[in-house]
C-alpha cells in the first residue's frame, strides 16, 4: 500500500475536482452531518479557497486514489500574539478508514503549522462524532470544554453551514 500525504495545489485541475468530491462524501455521511454539499459549494469551493491566502488543504492518496482531506485556515491567537491553524474539516473516505490516514494528515498539518511558526492547532468536532474525537486524542489534541455558538448570516441556511 502506497500512501501519499501532500499539501493541496488549488491550481491543479485533478485536485480541484477531488477536494469537493471528498468533502461532499463526508458531508453526506452521518459523521459529517448527513446532508450533501449544495451545488454552489460543490462548484466554487476550491476557487473560493484559492482566493484566501490563509487557507490550505492536505490530501491523502492510497495507491494513487484520493482517500482523505483536511481543510485548514490560519488564524491569530491574541493571547499568544502569534498565528494558529484551525482545522475546519477532516475527512477519510469510508473505504480507507482504519489505515491511520487521519494521523498522517494531522502530522502534515502540524508540519505546516510549525513551518508557519504557529502557536497551536485548533478544531471543532461534532459531539456525536466519537470516532473523530478518539483520533484527535490519539494524535495529542487536548479537548477543551467550550461551546460553539454561531449565527447564520444572509441567505445562508443553517443546514448548509458546515462549521
N, C-alpha and C. Protein backbone atom coordinates (compact mmCIF):
# COMPACT_ATOMS: atom_id res chain seq x y z
N UNK A 1 0.85 -1.18 0.00
CA UNK A 1 0.00 0.00 0.00
C UNK A 1 0.89 1.24 0.00
N UNK A 2 0.68 2.11 -0.98
CA UNK A 2 1.44 3.34 -1.11
C UNK A 2 0.58 4.51 -0.65
N UNK A 3 1.01 5.20 0.40
CA UNK A 3 0.28 6.35 0.95
C UNK A 3 1.07 7.62 0.69
N UNK A 4 0.40 8.60 0.11
CA UNK A 4 1.00 9.92 -0.12
C UNK A 4 0.14 10.96 0.59
N UNK A 5 0.79 11.82 1.36
CA UNK A 5 0.11 12.92 2.04
C UNK A 5 0.76 14.20 1.52
N UNK A 6 -0.04 15.06 0.90
CA UNK A 6 0.51 16.27 0.27
C UNK A 6 -0.30 17.50 0.65
N UNK A 7 0.35 18.66 0.56
CA UNK A 7 -0.40 19.90 0.65
C UNK A 7 -1.03 20.13 -0.72
N UNK A 8 -2.32 20.38 -0.74
CA UNK A 8 -3.05 20.53 -2.00
C UNK A 8 -2.57 21.74 -2.77
N UNK A 9 -2.66 21.63 -4.08
CA UNK A 9 -2.40 22.73 -5.01
C UNK A 9 -3.75 23.10 -5.62
N UNK A 10 -4.31 24.22 -5.18
CA UNK A 10 -5.63 24.62 -5.65
C UNK A 10 -5.67 24.90 -7.15
N UNK A 11 -4.53 25.04 -7.78
CA UNK A 11 -4.48 25.26 -9.22
C UNK A 11 -4.43 23.98 -10.03
N UNK A 12 -4.25 22.85 -9.38
CA UNK A 12 -4.16 21.56 -10.07
C UNK A 12 -5.57 21.09 -10.45
N UNK A 13 -5.85 20.88 -11.73
CA UNK A 13 -7.21 20.50 -12.15
C UNK A 13 -7.74 19.23 -11.49
N UNK A 14 -6.89 18.24 -11.31
CA UNK A 14 -7.32 17.00 -10.67
C UNK A 14 -7.72 17.25 -9.22
N UNK A 15 -6.90 18.00 -8.49
CA UNK A 15 -7.19 18.29 -7.09
C UNK A 15 -8.42 19.20 -6.96
N UNK A 16 -8.64 20.07 -7.95
CA UNK A 16 -9.82 20.95 -7.94
C UNK A 16 -11.10 20.12 -8.01
N UNK A 17 -11.05 18.94 -8.62
CA UNK A 17 -12.21 18.04 -8.66
C UNK A 17 -12.28 17.16 -7.41
N UNK A 18 -11.13 16.73 -6.92
CA UNK A 18 -11.10 15.80 -5.79
C UNK A 18 -11.54 16.44 -4.48
N UNK A 19 -11.13 17.68 -4.24
CA UNK A 19 -11.43 18.32 -2.95
C UNK A 19 -12.93 18.40 -2.70
N UNK A 20 -13.74 18.96 -3.60
CA UNK A 20 -15.18 18.98 -3.30
C UNK A 20 -15.82 17.59 -3.30
N UNK A 21 -15.29 16.67 -4.10
CA UNK A 21 -15.85 15.31 -4.12
C UNK A 21 -15.64 14.63 -2.78
N UNK A 22 -14.44 14.76 -2.21
CA UNK A 22 -14.15 14.16 -0.91
C UNK A 22 -14.99 14.84 0.18
N UNK A 23 -15.03 16.17 0.14
CA UNK A 23 -15.79 16.89 1.16
C UNK A 23 -17.28 16.55 1.08
N UNK A 24 -17.81 16.40 -0.12
CA UNK A 24 -19.21 16.05 -0.27
C UNK A 24 -19.50 14.66 0.28
N UNK A 25 -18.58 13.73 0.09
CA UNK A 25 -18.76 12.39 0.65
C UNK A 25 -18.85 12.47 2.17
N UNK A 26 -18.02 13.30 2.77
CA UNK A 26 -18.05 13.47 4.23
C UNK A 26 -19.34 14.16 4.66
N UNK A 27 -19.73 15.23 3.97
CA UNK A 27 -20.94 15.95 4.34
C UNK A 27 -22.16 15.04 4.27
N UNK A 28 -22.18 14.12 3.32
CA UNK A 28 -23.30 13.20 3.13
C UNK A 28 -23.31 12.07 4.17
N UNK A 29 -22.19 11.82 4.80
CA UNK A 29 -22.04 10.76 5.79
C UNK A 29 -22.63 11.23 7.13
N UNK A 30 -23.20 10.33 7.92
CA UNK A 30 -23.72 10.74 9.23
C UNK A 30 -22.67 11.44 10.10
N UNK A 31 -21.39 11.05 9.97
CA UNK A 31 -20.34 11.71 10.77
C UNK A 31 -20.13 13.16 10.35
N UNK A 32 -20.54 13.51 9.13
CA UNK A 32 -20.38 14.88 8.66
C UNK A 32 -21.67 15.68 8.68
N UNK A 33 -22.71 15.10 9.22
CA UNK A 33 -23.98 15.80 9.30
C UNK A 33 -25.08 15.19 8.45
N UNK A 34 -24.72 14.36 7.47
CA UNK A 34 -25.71 13.64 6.68
C UNK A 34 -26.41 14.45 5.61
N UNK A 35 -25.88 15.63 5.27
CA UNK A 35 -26.50 16.47 4.24
C UNK A 35 -25.44 16.81 3.19
N UNK A 36 -25.66 16.45 1.92
CA UNK A 36 -24.67 16.75 0.88
C UNK A 36 -24.43 18.26 0.75
N UNK A 37 -23.29 18.59 0.21
CA UNK A 37 -22.99 20.00 -0.09
C UNK A 37 -23.99 20.53 -1.11
N UNK A 38 -24.27 21.81 -1.04
CA UNK A 38 -25.10 22.44 -2.05
C UNK A 38 -24.32 22.58 -3.34
N UNK A 39 -25.03 22.83 -4.42
CA UNK A 39 -24.39 22.96 -5.73
C UNK A 39 -23.36 24.09 -5.75
N UNK A 40 -23.68 25.21 -5.10
CA UNK A 40 -22.73 26.33 -5.09
C UNK A 40 -21.40 25.91 -4.47
N UNK A 41 -21.46 25.25 -3.32
CA UNK A 41 -20.24 24.81 -2.65
C UNK A 41 -19.48 23.80 -3.51
N UNK A 42 -20.19 22.86 -4.11
CA UNK A 42 -19.53 21.85 -4.96
C UNK A 42 -18.77 22.51 -6.11
N UNK A 43 -19.36 23.53 -6.71
CA UNK A 43 -18.77 24.12 -7.90
C UNK A 43 -17.79 25.27 -7.63
N UNK A 44 -17.82 25.85 -6.44
CA UNK A 44 -16.99 27.03 -6.18
C UNK A 44 -16.02 26.88 -5.01
N UNK A 45 -16.05 25.73 -4.34
CA UNK A 45 -15.24 25.56 -3.13
C UNK A 45 -13.76 25.87 -3.35
N UNK A 46 -13.15 25.21 -4.31
CA UNK A 46 -11.70 25.37 -4.49
C UNK A 46 -11.36 26.76 -4.99
N UNK A 47 -12.19 27.31 -5.84
CA UNK A 47 -11.97 28.68 -6.30
C UNK A 47 -11.96 29.64 -5.12
N UNK A 48 -12.94 29.49 -4.22
CA UNK A 48 -13.03 30.37 -3.04
C UNK A 48 -11.85 30.13 -2.10
N UNK A 49 -11.48 28.88 -1.87
CA UNK A 49 -10.32 28.59 -1.03
C UNK A 49 -9.06 29.21 -1.60
N UNK A 50 -8.91 29.13 -2.91
CA UNK A 50 -7.70 29.66 -3.55
C UNK A 50 -7.58 31.18 -3.41
N UNK A 51 -8.69 31.84 -3.16
CA UNK A 51 -8.69 33.30 -3.00
C UNK A 51 -8.33 33.72 -1.57
N UNK A 52 -8.24 32.76 -0.68
CA UNK A 52 -7.92 33.05 0.72
C UNK A 52 -6.46 32.69 0.99
N UNK A 53 -5.60 33.68 1.18
CA UNK A 53 -4.18 33.39 1.37
C UNK A 53 -3.89 32.60 2.65
N UNK A 54 -4.83 32.59 3.58
CA UNK A 54 -4.63 31.88 4.85
C UNK A 54 -5.23 30.47 4.84
N UNK A 55 -5.78 30.02 3.68
CA UNK A 55 -6.37 28.69 3.58
C UNK A 55 -5.36 27.71 2.99
N UNK A 56 -5.39 26.48 3.49
CA UNK A 56 -4.64 25.40 2.85
C UNK A 56 -5.34 24.08 3.12
N UNK A 57 -5.09 23.12 2.27
CA UNK A 57 -5.69 21.79 2.39
C UNK A 57 -4.60 20.74 2.27
N UNK A 58 -4.87 19.61 2.89
CA UNK A 58 -3.98 18.46 2.84
C UNK A 58 -4.78 17.31 2.24
N UNK A 59 -4.20 16.61 1.30
CA UNK A 59 -4.85 15.47 0.65
C UNK A 59 -4.08 14.18 0.96
N UNK A 60 -4.83 13.10 1.12
CA UNK A 60 -4.23 11.77 1.29
C UNK A 60 -4.61 10.93 0.07
N UNK A 61 -3.64 10.20 -0.43
CA UNK A 61 -3.85 9.26 -1.53
C UNK A 61 -3.38 7.88 -1.09
N UNK A 62 -4.14 6.86 -1.45
CA UNK A 62 -3.74 5.47 -1.21
C UNK A 62 -3.68 4.79 -2.57
N UNK A 63 -2.49 4.36 -2.92
CA UNK A 63 -2.26 3.74 -4.22
C UNK A 63 -2.79 4.63 -5.35
N UNK A 64 -2.57 5.93 -5.20
CA UNK A 64 -2.96 6.90 -6.22
C UNK A 64 -4.41 7.35 -6.17
N UNK A 65 -5.23 6.74 -5.33
CA UNK A 65 -6.65 7.11 -5.24
C UNK A 65 -6.85 8.12 -4.12
N UNK A 66 -7.66 9.18 -4.36
CA UNK A 66 -7.93 10.14 -3.29
C UNK A 66 -8.65 9.44 -2.13
N UNK A 67 -8.13 9.66 -0.91
CA UNK A 67 -8.64 8.93 0.25
C UNK A 67 -9.00 9.82 1.42
N UNK A 68 -8.46 11.03 1.48
CA UNK A 68 -8.71 11.89 2.63
C UNK A 68 -8.39 13.34 2.35
N UNK A 69 -8.90 14.19 3.23
CA UNK A 69 -8.79 15.64 3.06
C UNK A 69 -8.83 16.32 4.41
N UNK A 70 -8.00 17.34 4.58
CA UNK A 70 -8.09 18.24 5.72
C UNK A 70 -8.06 19.66 5.16
N UNK A 71 -9.07 20.47 5.54
CA UNK A 71 -9.11 21.89 5.17
C UNK A 71 -8.76 22.71 6.39
N UNK A 72 -7.85 23.67 6.21
CA UNK A 72 -7.34 24.46 7.33
C UNK A 72 -7.33 25.94 6.99
N UNK A 73 -7.37 26.74 8.04
CA UNK A 73 -7.29 28.19 7.91
C UNK A 73 -6.34 28.73 8.97
N UNK A 74 -5.45 29.60 8.55
CA UNK A 74 -4.57 30.24 9.51
C UNK A 74 -5.32 31.38 10.17
N UNK A 75 -5.25 31.41 11.48
CA UNK A 75 -5.88 32.47 12.25
C UNK A 75 -4.85 33.13 13.14
N UNK A 76 -5.31 33.77 14.20
CA UNK A 76 -4.39 34.51 15.06
C UNK A 76 -4.84 34.39 16.51
N UNK A 77 -3.90 34.05 17.38
CA UNK A 77 -4.15 34.00 18.81
C UNK A 77 -3.73 35.34 19.41
N UNK A 78 -4.71 36.08 19.91
CA UNK A 78 -4.38 37.37 20.50
C UNK A 78 -3.60 37.19 21.81
N UNK A 79 -3.91 36.13 22.57
CA UNK A 79 -3.21 35.92 23.83
C UNK A 79 -1.74 35.58 23.60
N UNK A 80 -1.45 34.78 22.58
CA UNK A 80 -0.06 34.41 22.28
C UNK A 80 0.59 35.40 21.32
N UNK A 81 -0.23 36.24 20.69
CA UNK A 81 0.25 37.20 19.68
C UNK A 81 1.02 36.46 18.59
N UNK A 82 0.39 35.41 18.10
CA UNK A 82 1.04 34.53 17.14
C UNK A 82 -0.03 33.83 16.29
N UNK A 83 0.33 33.45 15.09
CA UNK A 83 -0.59 32.73 14.22
C UNK A 83 -0.94 31.37 14.81
N UNK A 84 -2.09 30.84 14.37
CA UNK A 84 -2.53 29.49 14.72
C UNK A 84 -3.15 28.87 13.47
N UNK A 85 -3.33 27.57 13.48
CA UNK A 85 -4.02 26.88 12.40
C UNK A 85 -5.30 26.29 12.97
N UNK A 86 -6.41 26.60 12.31
CA UNK A 86 -7.70 25.99 12.65
C UNK A 86 -8.02 24.94 11.60
N UNK A 87 -8.22 23.73 12.06
CA UNK A 87 -8.63 22.64 11.18
C UNK A 87 -10.15 22.72 11.06
N UNK A 88 -10.63 22.89 9.84
CA UNK A 88 -12.06 23.06 9.62
C UNK A 88 -12.75 21.76 9.23
N UNK A 89 -12.09 20.92 8.45
CA UNK A 89 -12.65 19.65 8.03
C UNK A 89 -11.56 18.58 8.07
N UNK A 90 -11.90 17.41 8.56
CA UNK A 90 -11.04 16.24 8.47
C UNK A 90 -11.89 15.12 7.89
N UNK A 91 -11.46 14.59 6.76
CA UNK A 91 -12.24 13.57 6.06
C UNK A 91 -11.34 12.40 5.70
N UNK A 92 -11.80 11.20 6.02
CA UNK A 92 -11.21 9.97 5.47
C UNK A 92 -12.38 9.23 4.84
N UNK A 93 -12.28 8.99 3.54
CA UNK A 93 -13.36 8.29 2.85
C UNK A 93 -13.56 6.90 3.47
N UNK A 94 -14.79 6.45 3.50
CA UNK A 94 -15.18 5.25 4.24
C UNK A 94 -14.30 4.04 3.93
N UNK A 95 -14.03 3.79 2.66
CA UNK A 95 -13.28 2.57 2.34
C UNK A 95 -11.81 2.63 2.75
N UNK A 96 -11.35 3.82 3.18
CA UNK A 96 -9.95 3.97 3.60
C UNK A 96 -9.81 4.17 5.11
N UNK A 97 -10.92 4.10 5.84
CA UNK A 97 -10.87 4.28 7.29
C UNK A 97 -10.17 3.08 7.93
N UNK A 98 -9.47 3.37 9.02
CA UNK A 98 -8.76 2.32 9.74
C UNK A 98 -7.32 2.15 9.29
N UNK A 99 -6.87 2.97 8.34
CA UNK A 99 -5.49 2.87 7.83
C UNK A 99 -4.54 3.86 8.49
N UNK A 100 -5.06 4.69 9.40
CA UNK A 100 -4.22 5.70 10.06
C UNK A 100 -4.04 6.97 9.25
N UNK A 101 -4.87 7.18 8.23
CA UNK A 101 -4.71 8.36 7.38
C UNK A 101 -4.96 9.66 8.12
N UNK A 102 -5.90 9.66 9.07
CA UNK A 102 -6.14 10.90 9.81
C UNK A 102 -4.88 11.32 10.57
N UNK A 103 -4.19 10.35 11.16
CA UNK A 103 -2.95 10.66 11.88
C UNK A 103 -1.89 11.21 10.93
N UNK A 104 -1.78 10.59 9.75
CA UNK A 104 -0.80 11.04 8.76
C UNK A 104 -1.11 12.46 8.28
N UNK A 105 -2.39 12.74 8.03
CA UNK A 105 -2.76 14.08 7.57
C UNK A 105 -2.57 15.11 8.67
N UNK A 106 -2.89 14.75 9.91
CA UNK A 106 -2.68 15.68 11.03
C UNK A 106 -1.19 15.97 11.21
N UNK A 107 -0.35 14.97 10.99
CA UNK A 107 1.10 15.21 11.06
C UNK A 107 1.53 16.23 10.00
N UNK A 108 0.97 16.14 8.81
CA UNK A 108 1.28 17.09 7.75
C UNK A 108 0.82 18.49 8.14
N UNK A 109 -0.40 18.58 8.69
CA UNK A 109 -0.91 19.88 9.16
C UNK A 109 0.02 20.45 10.22
N UNK A 110 0.43 19.61 11.16
CA UNK A 110 1.34 20.07 12.21
C UNK A 110 2.65 20.58 11.61
N UNK A 111 3.19 19.89 10.63
CA UNK A 111 4.44 20.33 9.99
C UNK A 111 4.25 21.69 9.32
N UNK A 112 3.13 21.88 8.64
CA UNK A 112 2.84 23.17 8.00
C UNK A 112 2.70 24.25 9.06
N UNK A 113 1.99 23.95 10.15
CA UNK A 113 1.81 24.92 11.23
C UNK A 113 3.16 25.31 11.84
N UNK A 114 4.03 24.34 12.03
CA UNK A 114 5.36 24.64 12.58
C UNK A 114 6.18 25.49 11.59
N UNK A 115 6.08 25.16 10.30
CA UNK A 115 6.78 25.96 9.28
C UNK A 115 6.31 27.41 9.28
N UNK A 116 5.03 27.61 9.60
CA UNK A 116 4.45 28.96 9.64
C UNK A 116 4.59 29.61 11.01
N UNK A 117 5.32 28.96 11.91
CA UNK A 117 5.58 29.47 13.25
C UNK A 117 4.28 29.72 14.03
N UNK A 118 3.35 28.80 13.89
CA UNK A 118 2.08 28.90 14.61
C UNK A 118 2.24 28.40 16.05
N UNK A 119 1.41 28.94 16.93
CA UNK A 119 1.50 28.57 18.34
C UNK A 119 0.63 27.37 18.70
N UNK A 120 -0.39 27.07 17.89
CA UNK A 120 -1.26 25.94 18.21
C UNK A 120 -2.12 25.58 17.01
N UNK A 121 -2.76 24.43 17.14
CA UNK A 121 -3.72 23.94 16.16
C UNK A 121 -5.05 23.79 16.90
N UNK A 122 -6.12 24.30 16.30
CA UNK A 122 -7.44 24.19 16.91
C UNK A 122 -8.39 23.49 15.94
N UNK A 123 -9.50 22.97 16.49
CA UNK A 123 -10.55 22.41 15.65
C UNK A 123 -11.82 22.26 16.48
N UNK A 124 -12.93 22.12 15.77
CA UNK A 124 -14.20 21.76 16.39
C UNK A 124 -14.61 20.42 15.80
N UNK A 125 -15.37 19.65 16.56
CA UNK A 125 -15.84 18.35 16.09
C UNK A 125 -17.29 18.18 16.55
N UNK A 126 -18.10 17.57 15.70
CA UNK A 126 -19.48 17.29 16.09
C UNK A 126 -19.49 16.41 17.34
N UNK A 127 -20.37 16.70 18.28
CA UNK A 127 -20.38 15.99 19.55
C UNK A 127 -20.67 14.50 19.40
N UNK A 128 -21.37 14.11 18.33
CA UNK A 128 -21.68 12.69 18.14
C UNK A 128 -20.62 11.95 17.32
N UNK A 129 -19.58 12.64 16.90
CA UNK A 129 -18.54 12.01 16.09
C UNK A 129 -17.42 11.49 17.01
N UNK A 130 -17.73 10.44 17.73
CA UNK A 130 -16.78 9.91 18.71
C UNK A 130 -15.55 9.27 18.05
N UNK A 131 -15.71 8.77 16.85
CA UNK A 131 -14.56 8.19 16.14
C UNK A 131 -13.51 9.28 15.89
N UNK A 132 -13.96 10.43 15.40
CA UNK A 132 -13.04 11.55 15.17
C UNK A 132 -12.42 12.03 16.48
N UNK A 133 -13.24 12.11 17.52
CA UNK A 133 -12.72 12.57 18.82
C UNK A 133 -11.60 11.65 19.31
N UNK A 134 -11.77 10.35 19.12
CA UNK A 134 -10.72 9.39 19.52
C UNK A 134 -9.46 9.58 18.68
N UNK A 135 -9.63 9.84 17.38
CA UNK A 135 -8.47 10.07 16.51
C UNK A 135 -7.72 11.32 16.93
N UNK A 136 -8.44 12.37 17.28
CA UNK A 136 -7.79 13.62 17.69
C UNK A 136 -7.06 13.44 19.01
N UNK A 137 -7.67 12.71 19.94
CA UNK A 137 -7.00 12.44 21.22
C UNK A 137 -5.75 11.60 21.00
N UNK A 138 -5.84 10.62 20.11
CA UNK A 138 -4.67 9.78 19.80
C UNK A 138 -3.53 10.63 19.25
N UNK A 139 -3.87 11.62 18.44
CA UNK A 139 -2.86 12.50 17.87
C UNK A 139 -2.23 13.40 18.93
N UNK A 140 -2.97 13.66 20.00
CA UNK A 140 -2.44 14.51 21.08
C UNK A 140 -3.18 15.82 21.24
N UNK A 141 -4.25 16.01 20.47
CA UNK A 141 -5.06 17.20 20.66
C UNK A 141 -5.78 17.09 22.00
N UNK A 142 -5.91 18.20 22.69
CA UNK A 142 -6.50 18.24 24.02
C UNK A 142 -7.90 18.82 23.91
N UNK A 143 -8.88 18.10 24.43
CA UNK A 143 -10.26 18.58 24.38
C UNK A 143 -10.47 19.63 25.46
N UNK A 144 -10.97 20.78 25.04
CA UNK A 144 -11.31 21.86 25.95
C UNK A 144 -12.82 21.90 26.09
N UNK A 145 -13.31 22.23 27.22
CA UNK A 145 -14.76 22.32 27.45
C UNK A 145 -15.24 23.70 27.02
N UNK A 146 -15.59 23.82 25.74
CA UNK A 146 -16.06 25.09 25.20
C UNK A 146 -17.30 24.83 24.37
N UNK A 147 -18.17 25.81 24.32
CA UNK A 147 -19.36 25.72 23.48
C UNK A 147 -19.13 26.53 22.21
N UNK A 148 -19.65 26.03 21.12
CA UNK A 148 -19.58 26.75 19.85
C UNK A 148 -20.92 27.40 19.60
N UNK A 149 -20.92 28.67 19.35
CA UNK A 149 -22.13 29.42 19.04
C UNK A 149 -21.98 29.98 17.65
N UNK A 150 -23.07 30.01 16.89
CA UNK A 150 -22.98 30.60 15.56
C UNK A 150 -24.28 31.27 15.21
N UNK A 151 -24.17 32.25 14.32
CA UNK A 151 -25.33 32.96 13.80
C UNK A 151 -25.29 32.83 12.29
N UNK A 152 -26.29 32.17 11.67
CA UNK A 152 -26.35 32.12 10.21
C UNK A 152 -26.57 33.52 9.66
N UNK A 153 -25.80 33.91 8.68
CA UNK A 153 -25.88 35.26 8.13
C UNK A 153 -26.41 35.24 6.70
N UNK A 154 -27.09 36.28 6.30
CA UNK A 154 -27.55 36.44 4.93
C UNK A 154 -28.49 35.33 4.50
N UNK A 155 -28.33 34.90 3.26
CA UNK A 155 -29.21 33.89 2.68
C UNK A 155 -28.80 32.48 3.05
N UNK A 156 -27.74 32.33 3.84
CA UNK A 156 -27.25 31.01 4.22
C UNK A 156 -28.25 30.34 5.15
N UNK A 157 -28.57 29.11 4.89
CA UNK A 157 -29.47 28.37 5.76
C UNK A 157 -28.66 27.56 6.75
N UNK A 158 -29.20 27.33 7.95
CA UNK A 158 -28.43 26.58 8.95
C UNK A 158 -27.97 25.22 8.45
N UNK A 159 -28.77 24.50 7.65
CA UNK A 159 -28.35 23.18 7.21
C UNK A 159 -27.19 23.24 6.22
N UNK A 160 -26.97 24.39 5.59
CA UNK A 160 -25.83 24.49 4.67
C UNK A 160 -24.56 24.91 5.37
N UNK A 161 -24.66 25.31 6.64
CA UNK A 161 -23.47 25.67 7.38
C UNK A 161 -22.76 24.41 7.83
N UNK A 162 -21.46 24.37 7.63
CA UNK A 162 -20.68 23.19 7.99
C UNK A 162 -19.74 23.46 9.15
N UNK A 163 -19.82 24.59 9.80
CA UNK A 163 -19.00 24.82 10.97
C UNK A 163 -18.32 26.11 10.98
